């Protein structure tokens, strides 16, 4: 279990699900500073939703992520905790472990139970 006192762990809320492995999130950086970023779920690579050969599976992966987000978004201002990592090998973006702040459940673990890797 992670806590809000860990370094590079932030409170967050989902703005929208981009596809099965990417979420646009508002992140609470502390000191009344917030930022919005697209966050890729670390360790998960789902089929693309907008391109590629397997768009139907991309839609299913997106639906699975949206379902998890909706079940975790039960009215809390900051329903998620994210631990971020700089991914310098792919697109120079950020990846993150995404957790339900109340239960500690991991989005990546949930997606793996749905068959996504």
Protein backbone atom coordinates (compact mmCIF):
# COMPACT_ATOMS: atom_id res chain seq x y z
CA UNK A 1 0.00 0.00 0.00
CA UNK A 2 1.24 3.47 -0.78
CA UNK A 3 0.53 6.65 1.11
CA UNK A 4 0.34 10.33 0.25
CA UNK A 5 3.62 10.96 2.08
CA UNK A 6 5.68 8.91 -0.42
CA UNK A 7 7.87 10.89 -2.83
CA UNK A 8 6.33 11.22 -6.30
CA UNK A 9 2.95 10.07 -5.05
CA UNK A 10 0.14 12.48 -5.77
CA UNK A 11 -3.60 12.72 -5.26
CA UNK A 12 -5.44 12.77 -8.57
CA UNK A 13 -8.78 12.60 -10.30
CA UNK A 14 -9.61 11.31 -13.77
CA UNK A 15 -10.62 13.95 -16.29
CA UNK A 16 -11.21 11.43 -19.09
CA UNK A 17 -10.06 8.05 -20.28
CA UNK A 18 -8.12 8.43 -23.52
CA UNK A 19 -7.78 4.70 -24.17
CA UNK A 20 -7.27 1.51 -22.20
CA UNK A 21 -3.84 2.41 -20.89
CA UNK A 22 -3.90 6.23 -20.87
CA UNK A 23 -5.90 8.59 -18.66
CA UNK A 24 -6.05 12.37 -18.62
CA UNK A 25 -5.73 13.29 -14.93
CA UNK A 26 -5.85 16.40 -12.78
CA UNK A 27 -3.02 16.02 -10.29
CA UNK A 28 -2.75 17.76 -6.93
CA UNK A 29 0.91 18.82 -6.69
CA UNK A 30 0.48 20.39 -3.26
CA UNK A 31 0.58 24.02 -2.14
CA UNK A 32 -2.66 24.67 -4.07
CA UNK A 33 -0.94 23.79 -7.35
CA UNK A 34 -2.68 21.48 -9.78
CA UNK A 35 -1.70 20.22 -13.21
CA UNK A 36 -3.44 18.21 -15.87
CA UNK A 37 -1.44 15.50 -17.67
CA UNK A 38 -2.00 12.39 -19.74
CA UNK A 39 -0.77 9.48 -17.67
CA UNK A 40 0.07 6.08 -19.12
CA UNK A 41 -0.59 3.14 -16.78
CA UNK A 42 2.79 1.58 -16.02
CA UNK A 43 3.20 -2.00 -17.20
CA UNK A 44 0.06 -2.07 -19.35
CA UNK A 45 -0.11 -1.89 -23.15
CA UNK A 46 -3.63 -2.21 -24.55
CA UNK A 47 -4.63 -2.12 -28.24
CA UNK A 48 -5.01 1.34 -29.70
CA UNK A 49 -8.48 2.84 -29.79
CA UNK A 50 -7.98 5.31 -32.65
CA UNK A 51 -5.62 3.42 -34.96
CA UNK A 52 -4.25 -0.02 -35.64
CA UNK A 53 -5.72 -3.34 -36.59
CA UNK A 54 -7.57 -4.18 -33.40
CA UNK A 55 -9.78 -1.20 -32.63
CA UNK A 56 -12.61 -3.38 -31.27
CA UNK A 57 -10.28 -4.74 -28.59
CA UNK A 58 -9.06 -1.17 -28.00
CA UNK A 59 -12.68 -0.19 -27.30
CA UNK A 60 -13.05 -3.09 -24.85
CA UNK A 61 -9.84 -2.11 -23.01
CA UNK A 62 -11.08 1.49 -22.83
CA UNK A 63 -14.44 0.29 -21.48
CA UNK A 64 -12.64 -1.77 -18.80
CA UNK A 65 -10.59 1.25 -17.70
CA UNK A 66 -13.66 3.49 -17.68
CA UNK A 67 -15.52 0.95 -15.53
CA UNK A 68 -12.70 0.85 -12.97
CA UNK A 69 -12.48 4.65 -12.91
CA UNK A 70 -16.25 4.94 -12.42
CA UNK A 71 -16.29 2.40 -9.59
CA UNK A 72 -13.44 4.25 -7.83
CA UNK A 73 -14.85 7.73 -8.35
CA UNK A 74 -17.45 7.59 -5.60
CA UNK A 75 -17.70 11.31 -4.86
CA UNK A 76 -14.22 11.90 -3.44
CA UNK A 77 -12.43 15.03 -4.65
CA UNK A 78 -9.20 13.06 -5.10
CA UNK A 79 -10.22 9.41 -5.56
CA UNK A 80 -6.83 8.21 -6.82
CA UNK A 81 -3.22 8.09 -5.74
CA UNK A 82 -0.61 7.92 -8.48
CA UNK A 83 3.09 7.13 -8.26
CA UNK A 84 4.80 8.67 -11.27
CA UNK A 85 7.89 7.62 -13.19
CA UNK A 86 9.61 9.37 -16.09
CA UNK A 87 9.57 7.07 -19.13
CA UNK A 88 12.50 8.26 -21.22
CA UNK A 89 12.51 5.25 -23.56
CA UNK A 90 9.07 5.83 -25.09
CA UNK A 91 7.79 9.28 -26.13
CA UNK A 92 9.53 10.97 -23.17
CA UNK A 93 6.28 10.81 -21.18
CA UNK A 94 5.21 9.97 -17.65
CA UNK A 95 3.91 6.60 -16.61
CA UNK A 96 2.27 5.90 -13.29
CA UNK A 97 0.96 3.28 -10.95
CA UNK A 98 -2.68 4.27 -10.39
CA UNK A 99 -4.41 3.26 -7.16
CA UNK A 100 -7.88 3.68 -5.72
CA UNK A 101 -7.12 6.00 -2.77
CA UNK A 102 -9.79 4.34 -0.61
CA UNK A 103 -9.15 0.62 -1.24
CA UNK A 104 -5.55 0.62 -2.49
CA UNK A 105 -6.58 -1.40 -5.55
CA UNK A 106 -4.25 -1.02 -8.53
CA UNK A 107 -5.65 -0.20 -11.98
CA UNK A 108 -2.87 -2.25 -13.60
CA UNK A 109 -3.76 -5.29 -11.49
CA UNK A 110 -7.43 -4.88 -12.40
CA UNK A 111 -6.60 -4.65 -16.12
CA UNK A 112 -4.47 -7.79 -15.86
CA UNK A 113 -7.46 -9.68 -14.41
CA UNK A 114 -9.36 -8.59 -17.53
CA UNK A 115 -6.63 -10.10 -19.73
CA UNK A 116 -4.70 -6.93 -20.65
CA UNK A 117 -0.91 -6.89 -20.33
